[in-house]
C-alpha atoms as a PDB file:
ATOM      1  CA  MET A   1     134.181 118.532 142.457  1.00  0.00           C
ATOM      2  CA  ASP A   2     132.207 119.141 145.607  1.00  0.00           C
ATOM      3  CA  SER A   3     130.692 116.573 147.732  1.00  0.00           C
ATOM      4  CA  SER A   4     127.242 117.010 146.148  1.00  0.00           C
ATOM      5  CA  ASP A   5     128.591 116.396 142.483  1.00  0.00           C
ATOM      6  CA  SER A   6     130.356 113.276 143.806  1.00  0.00           C
ATOM      7  CA  THR A   7     127.104 111.946 145.467  1.00  0.00           C
ATOM      8  CA  ILE A   8     125.073 112.488 142.308  1.00  0.00           C
ATOM      9  CA  SER A   9     127.832 110.791 140.151  1.00  0.00           C
ATOM     10  CA  LEU A  10     127.843 107.828 142.560  1.00  0.00           C
ATOM     11  CA  LEU A  11     123.980 107.612 142.365  1.00  0.00           C
ATOM     12  CA  GLN A  12     124.153 107.638 138.673  1.00  0.00           C
ATOM     13  CA  LYS A  13     126.581 104.938 138.517  1.00  0.00           C
ATOM     14  CA  LYS A  14     124.599 102.908 140.853  1.00  0.00           C
ATOM     15  CA  GLN A  15     121.424 103.187 139.050  1.00  0.00           C
ATOM     16  CA  LYS A  16     123.346 102.207 135.834  1.00  0.00           C
ATOM     17  CA  ARG A  17     124.712  99.050 137.315  1.00  0.00           C
ATOM     18  CA  THR A  18     121.095  98.172 138.564  1.00  0.00           C
ATOM     19  CA  TYR A  19     119.665  98.979 135.215  1.00  0.00           C
ATOM     20  CA  TYR A  20     122.184  96.517 133.439  1.00  0.00           C
ATOM     21  CA  MET A  21     121.599  93.862 136.112  1.00  0.00           C
ATOM     22  CA  TRP A  22     117.980  93.682 135.434  1.00  0.00           C
ATOM     23  CA  VAL A  23     118.709  93.656 131.685  1.00  0.00           C
ATOM     24  CA  ILE A  24     120.747  90.485 132.435  1.00  0.00           C
ATOM     25  CA  VAL A  25     117.889  89.206 134.471  1.00  0.00           C
ATOM     26  CA  PHE A  26     115.487  89.589 131.594  1.00  0.00           C
ATOM     27  CA  PHE A  27     117.634  87.823 129.089  1.00  0.00           C
ATOM     28  CA  LEU A  28     118.228  85.086 131.678  1.00  0.00           C
ATOM     29  CA  ILE A  29     114.650  84.459 132.226  1.00  0.00           C
ATOM     30  CA  ILE A  30     113.955  84.268 128.513  1.00  0.00           C
ATOM     31  CA  PHE A  31     116.837  81.915 127.763  1.00  0.00           C
ATOM     32  CA  THR A  32     115.740  79.639 130.602  1.00  0.00           C
ATOM     33  CA  GLY A  33     112.292  79.548 129.429  1.00  0.00           C
ATOM     34  CA  LEU A  34     113.406  78.705 125.982  1.00  0.00           C
ATOM     35  CA  GLY A  35     115.782  76.149 127.327  1.00  0.00           C
ATOM     36  CA  GLY A  36     113.297  74.620 129.432  1.00  0.00           C
ATOM     37  CA  LEU A  37     110.946  74.189 126.542  1.00  0.00           C
ATOM     38  CA  TYR A  38     113.607  72.615 124.468  1.00  0.00           C
ATOM     39  CA  TYR A  39     114.515  70.260 127.216  1.00  0.00           C
ATOM     40  CA  CYS A  40     110.819  69.190 127.655  1.00  0.00           C
ATOM     41  CA  THR A  41     110.656  68.446 123.959  1.00  0.00           C
ATOM     42  CA  LEU A  42     113.752  66.156 124.214  1.00  0.00           C
ATOM     43  CA  LYS A  43     112.031  64.259 126.977  1.00  0.00           C
ATOM     44  CA  ILE A  44     109.060  63.416 124.798  1.00  0.00           C
ATOM     45  CA  ASP A  45     111.417  62.695 121.754  1.00  0.00           C
ATOM     46  CA  TYR A  46     110.098  65.564 119.719  1.00  0.00           C
ATOM     47  CA  THR A  47     112.211  66.281 116.565  1.00  0.00           C
ATOM     48  CA  TRP A  48     112.271  69.965 115.579  1.00  0.00           C
ATOM     49  CA  ARG A  49     112.148  70.370 111.661  1.00  0.00           C
ATOM     50  CA  TRP A  50     112.081  74.129 111.199  1.00  0.00           C
ATOM     51  CA  TYR A  51     113.700  73.678 107.667  1.00  0.00           C
ATOM     52  CA  ARG A  52     110.481  72.307 106.542  1.00  0.00           C
ATOM     53  CA  VAL A  53     108.508  75.470 107.582  1.00  0.00           C
ATOM     54  CA  PRO A  54     109.412  77.707 104.536  1.00  0.00           C
ATOM     55  CA  GLN A  55     107.624  75.528 102.126  1.00  0.00           C
ATOM     56  CA  TYR A  56     104.397  76.444 103.606  1.00  0.00           C
ATOM     57  CA  PHE A  57     105.103  80.275 102.697  1.00  0.00           C
ATOM     58  CA  PHE A  58     106.474  79.433  99.103  1.00  0.00           C
ATOM     59  CA  PHE A  59     107.266  76.313  97.448  1.00  0.00           C
ATOM     60  CA  HIS A  60     108.585  74.891  93.939  1.00  0.00           C
ATOM     61  CA  GLU A  61     105.702  72.898  92.554  1.00  0.00           C
ATOM     62  CA  GLU A  62     105.902  70.388  89.725  1.00  0.00           C
ATOM     63  CA  VAL A  63     103.044  71.293  87.232  1.00  0.00           C
ATOM     64  CA  GLU A  64     102.077  68.616  84.794  1.00  0.00           C
ATOM     65  CA  VAL A  65     100.876  69.560  81.225  1.00  0.00           C
ATOM     66  CA  ARG A  66      98.130  67.291  79.995  1.00  0.00           C
ATOM     67  CA  THR A  67      96.455  66.768  76.722  1.00  0.00           C
ATOM     68  CA  THR A  68      92.600  67.454  76.693  1.00  0.00           C
ATOM     69  CA  VAL A  69      91.912  65.318  73.435  1.00  0.00           C
ATOM     70  CA  ASP A  70      92.444  61.819  72.050  1.00  0.00           C
ATOM     71  CA  GLY A  71      95.060  62.013  69.196  1.00  0.00           C
ATOM     72  CA  GLN A  72      98.606  61.756  68.192  1.00  0.00           C
ATOM     73  CA  VAL A  73     101.909  63.945  68.785  1.00  0.00           C
ATOM     74  CA  ASP A  74     102.342  65.621  65.391  1.00  0.00           C
ATOM     75  CA  GLU A  75     105.331  67.934  66.197  1.00  0.00           C
ATOM     76  CA  ILE A  76     107.656  68.757  69.075  1.00  0.00           C
ATOM     77  CA  ARG A  77     109.877  71.895  68.748  1.00  0.00           C
ATOM     78  CA  GLU A  78     111.786  74.568  70.805  1.00  0.00           C
ATOM     79  CA  THR A  79     110.700  78.097  70.842  1.00  0.00           C
ATOM     80  CA  ASP A  80     111.774  81.225  72.591  1.00  0.00           C
ATOM     81  CA  GLU A  81     109.148  80.573  75.198  1.00  0.00           C
ATOM     82  CA  GLY A  82     110.099  76.869  75.755  1.00  0.00           C
ATOM     83  CA  THR A  83     108.893  73.617  74.390  1.00  0.00           C
ATOM     84  CA  LEU A  84     105.923  73.428  71.927  1.00  0.00           C
ATOM     85  CA  VAL A  85     104.230  70.106  71.520  1.00  0.00           C
ATOM     86  CA  VAL A  86     101.461  69.859  68.776  1.00  0.00           C
ATOM     87  CA  VAL A  87      98.801  67.181  69.318  1.00  0.00           C
ATOM     88  CA  GLU A  88      96.503  66.343  66.314  1.00  0.00           C
ATOM     89  CA  GLY A  89      93.199  65.051  67.517  1.00  0.00           C
ATOM     90  CA  ASP A  90      91.272  62.267  66.027  1.00  0.00           C
ATOM     91  CA  ASP A  91      88.961  64.897  64.444  1.00  0.00           C
ATOM     92  CA  GLY A  92      91.859  66.507  62.651  1.00  0.00           C
ATOM     93  CA  GLU A  93      92.033  69.675  64.776  1.00  0.00           C
ATOM     94  CA  GLU A  94      95.460  70.632  66.117  1.00  0.00           C
ATOM     95  CA  LEU A  95      96.118  71.768  69.612  1.00  0.00           C
ATOM     96  CA  GLN A  96      99.320  73.383  70.831  1.00  0.00           C
ATOM     97  CA  TYR A  97     100.656  73.112  74.308  1.00  0.00           C
ATOM     98  CA  SER A  98     103.650  75.284  75.088  1.00  0.00           C
ATOM     99  CA  PHE A  99     105.543  75.159  78.379  1.00  0.00           C
ATOM    100  CA  SER A 100     109.021  76.119  79.512  1.00  0.00           C
ATOM    101  CA  SER A 101     110.690  72.876  80.409  1.00  0.00           C
ATOM    102  CA  ASP A 102     113.072  70.115  79.106  1.00  0.00           C
ATOM    103  CA  ASP A 103     111.084  67.443  80.877  1.00  0.00           C
ATOM    104  CA  VAL A 104     109.044  66.363  77.784  1.00  0.00           C
ATOM    105  CA  ARG A 105     107.493  62.895  78.244  1.00  0.00           C
ATOM    106  CA  VAL A 106     106.233  62.242  74.714  1.00  0.00           C
ATOM    107  CA  TYR A 107     107.682  61.655  71.456  1.00  0.00           C
ATOM    108  CA  GLU A 108     106.478  62.649  67.817  1.00  0.00           C
ATOM    109  CA  GLY A 109     104.098  59.898  66.511  1.00  0.00           C
ATOM    110  CA  ASP A 110     103.080  58.788  70.069  1.00  0.00           C
ATOM    111  CA  LEU A 111      99.274  58.005  70.481  1.00  0.00           C
ATOM    112  CA  LEU A 112      97.718  59.906  73.189  1.00  0.00           C
ATOM    113  CA  PHE A 113      94.483  59.721  75.353  1.00  0.00           C
ATOM    114  CA  ALA A 114      92.912  62.719  76.956  1.00  0.00           C
ATOM    115  CA  GLY A 115      94.552  63.367  80.387  1.00  0.00           C
ATOM    116  CA  ASP A 116      97.872  61.840  79.212  1.00  0.00           C
ATOM    117  CA  VAL A 117     100.955  63.931  80.518  1.00  0.00           C
ATOM    118  CA  LEU A 118     102.916  65.734  77.759  1.00  0.00           C
ATOM    119  CA  GLY A 119     105.478  67.301  80.218  1.00  0.00           C
ATOM    120  CA  THR A 120     106.192  68.940  83.383  1.00  0.00           C
ATOM    121  CA  PHE A 121     107.597  72.384  84.522  1.00  0.00           C
ATOM    122  CA  HIS A 122     108.264  73.870  87.934  1.00  0.00           C
ATOM    123  CA  GLU A 123     106.624  76.835  89.222  1.00  0.00           C
ATOM    124  CA  TRP A 124     106.800  79.059  92.519  1.00  0.00           C
ATOM    125  CA  ARG A 125     103.515  78.952  94.323  1.00  0.00           C
ATOM    126  CA  ILE A 126     102.367  80.725  97.353  1.00  0.00           C
ATOM    127  CA  GLY A 127     102.129  78.212 100.320  1.00  0.00           C
ATOM    128  CA  ILE A 128      99.000  77.668 102.560  1.00  0.00           C
ATOM    129  CA  LEU A 129     100.230  79.895 105.443  1.00  0.00           C
ATOM    130  CA  LEU A 130     100.738  83.091 103.355  1.00  0.00           C
ATOM    131  CA  GLN A 131      97.138  82.228 101.875  1.00  0.00           C
ATOM    132  CA  GLY A 132      95.721  82.125 105.361  1.00  0.00           C
ATOM    133  CA  LEU A 133      97.628  85.334 106.444  1.00  0.00           C
ATOM    134  CA  TRP A 134      96.250  87.151 103.383  1.00  0.00           C
ATOM    135  CA  LEU A 135      92.769  86.034 104.003  1.00  0.00           C
ATOM    136  CA  THR A 136      93.101  87.066 107.641  1.00  0.00           C
ATOM    137  CA  LEU A 137      94.159  90.625 106.444  1.00  0.00           C
ATOM    138  CA  LYS A 138      91.341  90.770 104.026  1.00  0.00           C
ATOM    139  CA  VAL A 139      88.610  89.707 106.378  1.00  0.00           C
ATOM    140  CA  SER A 140      89.898  92.041 109.215  1.00  0.00           C
ATOM    141  CA  PHE A 141      90.370  94.980 107.027  1.00  0.00           C
ATOM    142  CA  ILE A 142      86.776  94.749 105.636  1.00  0.00           C
ATOM    143  CA  ALA A 143      85.429  94.331 109.034  1.00  0.00           C
ATOM    144  CA  ILE A 144      87.318  97.036 110.548  1.00  0.00           C
ATOM    145  CA  ILE A 145      85.843  99.483 107.693  1.00  0.00           C
ATOM    146  CA  PHE A 146      82.250  98.290 108.335  1.00  0.00           C
ATOM    147  CA  GLY A 147      82.861  98.149 112.159  1.00  0.00           C
ATOM    148  CA  ILE A 148      83.952 101.902 112.080  1.00  0.00           C
ATOM    149  CA  ALA A 149      81.146 102.969 110.151  1.00  0.00           C
ATOM    150  CA  LEU A 150      78.570 101.057 112.120  1.00  0.00           C
ATOM    151  CA  GLY A 151      80.080 101.859 115.433  1.00  0.00           C
ATOM    152  CA  LEU A 152      80.245 105.608 114.536  1.00  0.00           C
ATOM    153  CA  PHE A 153      76.515 105.752 113.582  1.00  0.00           C
ATOM    154  CA  THR A 154      75.455 103.692 116.635  1.00  0.00           C
ATOM    155  CA  GLY A 155      77.455 105.819 118.878  1.00  0.00           C
ATOM    156  CA  LEU A 156      75.829 109.038 117.592  1.00  0.00           C
ATOM    157  CA  ALA A 157      72.471 107.143 117.968  1.00  0.00           C
ATOM    158  CA  ARG A 158      73.284 106.285 121.466  1.00  0.00           C
ATOM    159  CA  ILE A 159      73.538 109.901 122.613  1.00  0.00           C
ATOM    160  CA  SER A 160      70.667 111.186 120.465  1.00  0.00           C
ATOM    161  CA  ALA A 161      67.543 112.694 121.941  1.00  0.00           C
ATOM    162  CA  ASN A 162      65.396 110.606 119.563  1.00  0.00           C
ATOM    163  CA  PRO A 163      64.073 107.787 121.672  1.00  0.00           C
ATOM    164  CA  ALA A 164      63.789 105.354 118.653  1.00  0.00           C
ATOM    165  CA  PHE A 165      67.452 105.930 117.606  1.00  0.00           C
ATOM    166  CA  LYS A 166      68.553 105.862 121.126  1.00  0.00           C
ATOM    167  CA  TRP A 167      66.811 102.593 122.232  1.00  0.00           C
ATOM    168  CA  LEU A 168      67.733 100.721 119.206  1.00  0.00           C
ATOM    169  CA  ALA A 169      71.211 101.561 119.588  1.00  0.00           C
ATOM    170  CA  ILE A 170      71.274 100.325 123.281  1.00  0.00           C
ATOM    171  CA  THR A 171      69.524  97.142 122.183  1.00  0.00           C
ATOM    172  CA  TYR A 172      72.047  96.542 119.543  1.00  0.00           C
ATOM    173  CA  ILE A 173      74.905  97.424 121.713  1.00  0.00           C
ATOM    174  CA  GLU A 174      73.724  95.232 124.720  1.00  0.00           C
ATOM    175  CA  LEU A 175      72.734  92.179 122.532  1.00  0.00           C
ATOM    176  CA  ILE A 176      76.053  92.013 120.758  1.00  0.00           C
ATOM    177  CA  ARG A 177      78.252  92.772 123.860  1.00  0.00           C
ATOM    178  CA  GLY A 178      76.122  90.224 125.960  1.00  0.00           C
ATOM    179  CA  SER A 179      76.700  87.301 123.721  1.00  0.00           C
ATOM    180  CA  PRO A 180      80.044  85.418 122.653  1.00  0.00           C
ATOM    181  CA  LEU A 181      81.485  86.192 119.359  1.00  0.00           C
ATOM    182  CA  LEU A 182      81.534  82.350 118.545  1.00  0.00           C
ATOM    183  CA  VAL A 183      77.729  82.175 119.162  1.00  0.00           C
ATOM    184  CA  GLN A 184      77.131  85.130 116.740  1.00  0.00           C
ATOM    185  CA  ILE A 185      79.309  83.535 113.972  1.00  0.00           C
ATOM    186  CA  PHE A 186      77.091  80.534 114.304  1.00  0.00           C
ATOM    187  CA  ILE A 187      73.944  82.750 113.971  1.00  0.00           C
ATOM    188  CA  TRP A 188      75.264  84.613 111.107  1.00  0.00           C
ATOM    189  CA  TYR A 189      76.374  81.398 109.130  1.00  0.00           C
ATOM    190  CA  PHE A 190      73.831  78.746 110.024  1.00  0.00           C
ATOM    191  CA  VAL A 191      70.704  80.867 110.587  1.00  0.00           C
ATOM    192  CA  LEU A 192      70.953  84.217 108.775  1.00  0.00           C
ATOM    193  CA  GLY A 193      73.128  82.679 106.032  1.00  0.00           C
ATOM    194  CA  THR A 194      70.795  79.799 105.632  1.00  0.00           C
ATOM    195  CA  LEU A 195      67.753  82.093 105.330  1.00  0.00           C
ATOM    196  CA  ILE A 196      69.449  84.649 102.920  1.00  0.00           C
ATOM    197  CA  ASN A 197      70.844  82.009 100.521  1.00  0.00           C
ATOM    198  CA  THR A 198      67.652  80.072 100.414  1.00  0.00           C
ATOM    199  CA  MET A 199      65.813  83.203  99.465  1.00  0.00           C
ATOM    200  CA  ILE A 200      68.204  84.441  96.930  1.00  0.00           C
ATOM    201  CA  ALA A 201      68.457  80.817  95.472  1.00  0.00           C
ATOM    202  CA  GLN A 202      64.737  80.847  94.936  1.00  0.00           C
ATOM    203  CA  ALA A 203      65.162  84.175  93.072  1.00  0.00           C
ATOM    204  CA  GLY A 204      67.809  82.704  90.932  1.00  0.00           C
ATOM    205  CA  ILE A 205      70.713  84.682  92.292  1.00  0.00           C
ATOM    206  CA  SER A 206      73.963  83.116  93.184  1.00  0.00           C
ATOM    207  CA  GLN A 207      74.431  82.511  96.855  1.00  0.00           C
ATOM    208  CA  VAL A 208      76.620  84.466  99.349  1.00  0.00           C
ATOM    209  CA  PRO A 209      80.021  82.758 100.258  1.00  0.00           C
ATOM    210  CA  PRO A 210      80.734  82.151 103.929  1.00  0.00           C
ATOM    211  CA  LEU A 211      83.402  84.908 103.894  1.00  0.00           C
ATOM    212  CA  TRP A 212      80.889  87.470 103.913  1.00  0.00           C
ATOM    213  CA  PHE A 213      78.986  86.050 106.828  1.00  0.00           C
ATOM    214  CA  GLY A 214      82.187  85.907 108.707  1.00  0.00           C
ATOM    215  CA  VAL A 215      82.814  89.485 107.769  1.00  0.00           C
ATOM    216  CA  ALA A 216      79.334  90.557 108.871  1.00  0.00           C
ATOM    217  CA  SER A 217      79.840  88.645 112.351  1.00  0.00           C
ATOM    218  CA  LEU A 218      83.061  90.452 112.991  1.00  0.00           C
ATOM    219  CA  ALA A 219      81.848  93.793 111.784  1.00  0.00           C
ATOM    220  CA  THR A 220      78.612  93.748 113.911  1.00  0.00           C
ATOM    221  CA  PHE A 221      80.703  92.509 116.920  1.00  0.00           C
ATOM    222  CA  THR A 222      83.277  95.219 116.484  1.00  0.00           C
ATOM    223  CA  GLY A 223      80.663  97.825 115.868  1.00  0.00           C
ATOM    224  CA  ALA A 224      78.994  97.531 119.185  1.00  0.00           C
ATOM    225  CA  TYR A 225      82.382  98.063 121.000  1.00  0.00           C
ATOM    226  CA  VAL A 226      83.344 100.942 118.664  1.00  0.00           C
ATOM    227  CA  ALA A 227      79.975 102.453 119.382  1.00  0.00           C
ATOM    228  CA  GLU A 228      80.601 102.563 123.129  1.00  0.00           C
ATOM    229  CA  ILE A 229      84.014 104.087 122.447  1.00  0.00           C
ATOM    230  CA  VAL A 230      82.667 106.756 120.240  1.00  0.00           C
ATOM    231  CA  ARG A 231      79.930 107.538 122.799  1.00  0.00           C
ATOM    232  CA  ALA A 232      82.537 107.842 125.634  1.00  0.00           C
ATOM    233  CA  GLY A 233      84.754 110.002 123.469  1.00  0.00           C
ATOM    234  CA  ILE A 234      82.064 112.304 122.550  1.00  0.00           C
ATOM    235  CA  GLN A 235      80.684 112.730 126.060  1.00  0.00           C
ATOM    236  CA  SER A 236      84.241 113.348 127.339  1.00  0.00           C
ATOM    237  CA  ILE A 237      84.173 116.583 125.506  1.00  0.00           C
ATOM    238  CA  HIS A 238      82.886 119.399 127.666  1.00  0.00           C
ATOM    239  CA  ARG A 239      79.251 120.455 127.072  1.00  0.00           C
ATOM    240  CA  GLY A 240      80.585 124.078 126.753  1.00  0.00           C
ATOM    241  CA  GLN A 241      82.139 123.104 123.400  1.00  0.00           C
ATOM    242  CA  THR A 242      78.857 122.351 121.823  1.00  0.00           C
ATOM    243  CA  GLU A 243      77.008 125.348 123.491  1.00  0.00           C
ATOM    244  CA  ALA A 244      79.668 127.614 122.132  1.00  0.00           C
ATOM    245  CA  SER A 245      79.417 126.030 118.462  1.00  0.00           C
ATOM    246  CA  ARG A 246      75.701 126.372 118.750  1.00  0.00           C
ATOM    247  CA  SER A 247      75.849 129.986 119.850  1.00  0.00           C
ATOM    248  CA  LEU A 248      77.843 130.783 116.867  1.00  0.00           C
ATOM    249  CA  GLY A 249      74.897 129.644 114.637  1.00  0.00           C
ATOM    250  CA  MET A 250      76.117 126.082 113.691  1.00  0.00           C
ATOM    251  CA  SER A 251      73.459 123.292 113.585  1.00  0.00           C
ATOM    252  CA  TYR A 252      73.763 120.139 115.714  1.00  0.00           C
ATOM    253  CA  GLY A 253      75.359 118.160 112.865  1.00  0.00           C
ATOM    254  CA  GLN A 254      77.840 120.965 111.960  1.00  0.00           C
ATOM    255  CA  SER A 255      78.716 121.320 115.596  1.00  0.00           C
ATOM    256  CA  MET A 256      79.247 117.469 115.889  1.00  0.00           C
ATOM    257  CA  TYR A 257      81.235 117.410 112.490  1.00  0.00           C
ATOM    258  CA  HIS A 258      83.721 120.563 112.986  1.00  0.00           C
ATOM    259  CA  VAL A 259      83.863 120.873 116.683  1.00  0.00           C
ATOM    260  CA  ILE A 260      83.226 117.787 118.857  1.00  0.00           C
ATOM    261  CA  LEU A 261      84.278 114.762 116.459  1.00  0.00           C
ATOM    262  CA  PRO A 262      87.851 116.120 115.763  1.00  0.00           C
ATOM    263  CA  GLN A 263      88.449 116.406 119.459  1.00  0.00           C
ATOM    264  CA  ALA A 264      86.757 113.212 120.295  1.00  0.00           C
ATOM    265  CA  PHE A 265      88.789 111.287 117.715  1.00  0.00           C
ATOM    266  CA  ARG A 266      92.041 112.161 119.349  1.00  0.00           C
ATOM    267  CA  ARG A 267      90.808 110.472 122.641  1.00  0.00           C
ATOM    268  CA  ILE A 268      89.357 107.405 121.126  1.00  0.00           C
ATOM    269  CA  ILE A 269      92.229 106.298 118.733  1.00  0.00           C
ATOM    270  CA  PRO A 270      94.038 104.408 121.748  1.00  0.00           C
ATOM    271  CA  PRO A 271      91.002 102.247 122.718  1.00  0.00           C
ATOM    272  CA  LEU A 272      90.128 101.724 118.976  1.00  0.00           C
ATOM    273  CA  ALA A 273      93.650 100.558 118.513  1.00  0.00           C
ATOM    274  CA  GLY A 274      93.048  97.784 121.148  1.00  0.00           C
ATOM    275  CA  GLN A 275      89.637  96.966 119.583  1.00  0.00           C
ATOM    276  CA  PHE A 276      91.203  96.490 116.171  1.00  0.00           C
ATOM    277  CA  ILE A 277      94.003  94.391 117.484  1.00  0.00           C
ATOM    278  CA  SER A 278      91.397  92.210 119.201  1.00  0.00           C
ATOM    279  CA  LEU A 279      89.375  91.948 115.854  1.00  0.00           C
ATOM    280  CA  ILE A 280      92.451  90.463 114.170  1.00  0.00           C
ATOM    281  CA  LYS A 281      92.942  87.782 116.804  1.00  0.00           C
ATOM    282  CA  ASP A 282      89.054  87.180 116.906  1.00  0.00           C
ATOM    283  CA  SER A 283      89.178  86.387 113.186  1.00  0.00           C
ATOM    284  CA  SER A 284      90.790  83.026 114.138  1.00  0.00           C
ATOM    285  CA  LEU A 285      87.301  81.798 114.974  1.00  0.00           C
ATOM    286  CA  LEU A 286      86.199  82.068 111.370  1.00  0.00           C
ATOM    287  CA  GLY A 287      87.837  78.674 110.624  1.00  0.00           C
ATOM    288  CA  ILE A 288      84.668  77.005 112.232  1.00  0.00           C
ATOM    289  CA  ILE A 289      82.644  77.978 109.208  1.00  0.00           C
ATOM    290  CA  ALA A 290      85.129  76.760 106.590  1.00  0.00           C
ATOM    291  CA  ILE A 291      87.007  80.031 106.025  1.00  0.00           C
ATOM    292  CA  ARG A 292      90.680  79.145 105.625  1.00  0.00           C
ATOM    293  CA  GLU A 293      92.196  82.038 107.491  1.00  0.00           C
ATOM    294  CA  LEU A 294      95.527  81.928 109.391  1.00  0.00           C
ATOM    295  CA  THR A 295      94.522  79.703 112.269  1.00  0.00           C
ATOM    296  CA  LYS A 296      92.662  77.041 110.009  1.00  0.00           C
ATOM    297  CA  ALA A 297      95.313  77.129 107.609  1.00  0.00           C
ATOM    298  CA  THR A 298      97.940  76.227 110.274  1.00  0.00           C
ATOM    299  CA  ARG A 299      95.641  73.503 111.701  1.00  0.00           C
ATOM    300  CA  GLU A 300      95.571  71.930 108.327  1.00  0.00           C
ATOM    301  CA  VAL A 301      99.321  71.985 107.932  1.00  0.00           C
ATOM    302  CA  VAL A 302      99.790  70.556 111.436  1.00  0.00           C
ATOM    303  CA  THR A 303      97.374  67.732 110.549  1.00  0.00           C
ATOM    304  CA  THR A 304      99.392  66.675 107.381  1.00  0.00           C
ATOM    305  CA  SER A 305     102.971  67.503 108.619  1.00  0.00           C
ATOM    306  CA  LEU A 306     102.697  66.465 112.243  1.00  0.00           C
ATOM    307  CA  GLN A 307     104.780  69.600 113.216  1.00  0.00           C
ATOM    308  CA  PRO A 308     102.689  71.189 115.869  1.00  0.00           C
ATOM    309  CA  PHE A 309     105.428  73.003 117.880  1.00  0.00           C
ATOM    310  CA  GLU A 310     107.101  74.853 115.045  1.00  0.00           C
ATOM    311  CA  LEU A 311     103.830  75.588 113.086  1.00  0.00           C
ATOM    312  CA  TRP A 312     101.930  77.090 116.111  1.00  0.00           C
ATOM    313  CA  PHE A 313     104.947  79.187 116.954  1.00  0.00           C
ATOM    314  CA  VAL A 314     104.997  80.538 113.458  1.00  0.00           C
ATOM    315  CA  CYS A 315     101.217  81.014 113.586  1.00  0.00           C
ATOM    316  CA  ALA A 316     101.756  83.139 116.807  1.00  0.00           C
ATOM    317  CA  LEU A 317     104.534  85.134 115.312  1.00  0.00           C
ATOM    318  CA  LEU A 318     102.420  86.153 112.275  1.00  0.00           C
ATOM    319  CA  TYR A 319      99.524  87.194 114.485  1.00  0.00           C
ATOM    320  CA  LEU A 320     102.284  89.287 116.364  1.00  0.00           C
ATOM    321  CA  VAL A 321     103.574  90.872 113.325  1.00  0.00           C
ATOM    322  CA  LEU A 322     100.157  91.856 112.166  1.00  0.00           C
ATOM    323  CA  THR A 323      99.038  93.229 115.642  1.00  0.00           C
ATOM    324  CA  PHE A 324     102.349  95.005 116.190  1.00  0.00           C
ATOM    325  CA  SER A 325     102.222  96.692 112.711  1.00  0.00           C
ATOM    326  CA  LEU A 326      98.594  97.834 113.299  1.00  0.00           C
ATOM    327  CA  SER A 327      99.555  99.133 116.804  1.00  0.00           C
ATOM    328  CA  MET A 328     102.324 101.147 115.344  1.00  0.00           C
ATOM    329  CA  LEU A 329     100.358 102.589 112.613  1.00  0.00           C
ATOM    330  CA  LEU A 330      97.630 103.644 114.904  1.00  0.00           C
ATOM    331  CA  GLN A 331     100.228 105.148 117.334  1.00  0.00           C
ATOM    332  CA  TYR A 332     101.751 107.060 114.298  1.00  0.00           C
ATOM    333  CA  LEU A 333      98.371 108.493 113.381  1.00  0.00           C
ATOM    334  CA  GLU A 334      97.624 109.332 117.182  1.00  0.00           C
ATOM    335  CA  ASN A 335     101.063 111.197 117.310  1.00  0.00           C
ATOM    336  CA  ARG A 336     100.110 113.200 113.859  1.00  0.00           C
ATOM    337  CA  MET A 337      96.665 114.177 115.314  1.00  0.00           C
ATOM    338  CA  ILE A 338      98.321 115.328 118.739  1.00  0.00           C
ATOM    339  CA  HIS A 339     100.947 117.464 116.991  1.00  0.00           C
ATOM    340  CA  SER A 340      98.814 118.647 114.152  1.00  0.00           C
END
């Protein structure tokens, strides 16, 4: 081994030692932060109760089976499906109540009134945090779909030669980007929502739920930013591409569809990913209009359980799972488009 090979080997070993040293520093910082947090909670006499968190995802609920009529227990027998209680009403009609449980609270011949408990059984139910997580996913997905469509058409209108389309697009983009999302949610719910629901109520049509006003506010907010991303992506393609496609006899729409947009989409996927991740986090503001998404569900649980530390950490972790999963999905799509 000559001196140059020896020098390279020493440099590699030094770089390796330096790398592992900084890895150790990273974990020391993480564990120091966690230890400091735990020490602070001890100083305020906070009791961690992580064992109570799973019940807000799934829980075993005791369900009561109640009679709906006044009458008398005519028969109690076991069937393949569980316990069958037959109640004869005061009008002579027989009603059957079947439930899978050994906890029967009545006997044959007992007199009953409407609402009396016949028995109970246990059933697994979805907890409030999973319900909020599902609603966050639902709202975000719908808002993303409408936001993409709105942003694509607005972005194309933004670079159009038609002054009406162009100025309308500019007005929409500047109005939306120039005001806070919280204010826009209030406008959609309290102003536009009141007007829309009042008019359709006068027409005898059922009212629009708050969920859809929340989706509309998120979609219009996202659409303005997507429009600017689309505009920048299209304008980043050299004008020669358009001129070449037009010289081949393509119309403006065909040139945009077959030549420009496929190239532009490859460039706009990374900023779109960031915008969609922001949309998922922005959906936490919908709790102010009585939509029980993840943040509002967590706030309700914190109010009843008095466990703010555990539950807000869990809430942040769930948002991290959503945003990281979306980021990985969009990164996969980006790689597919690059190598296709």
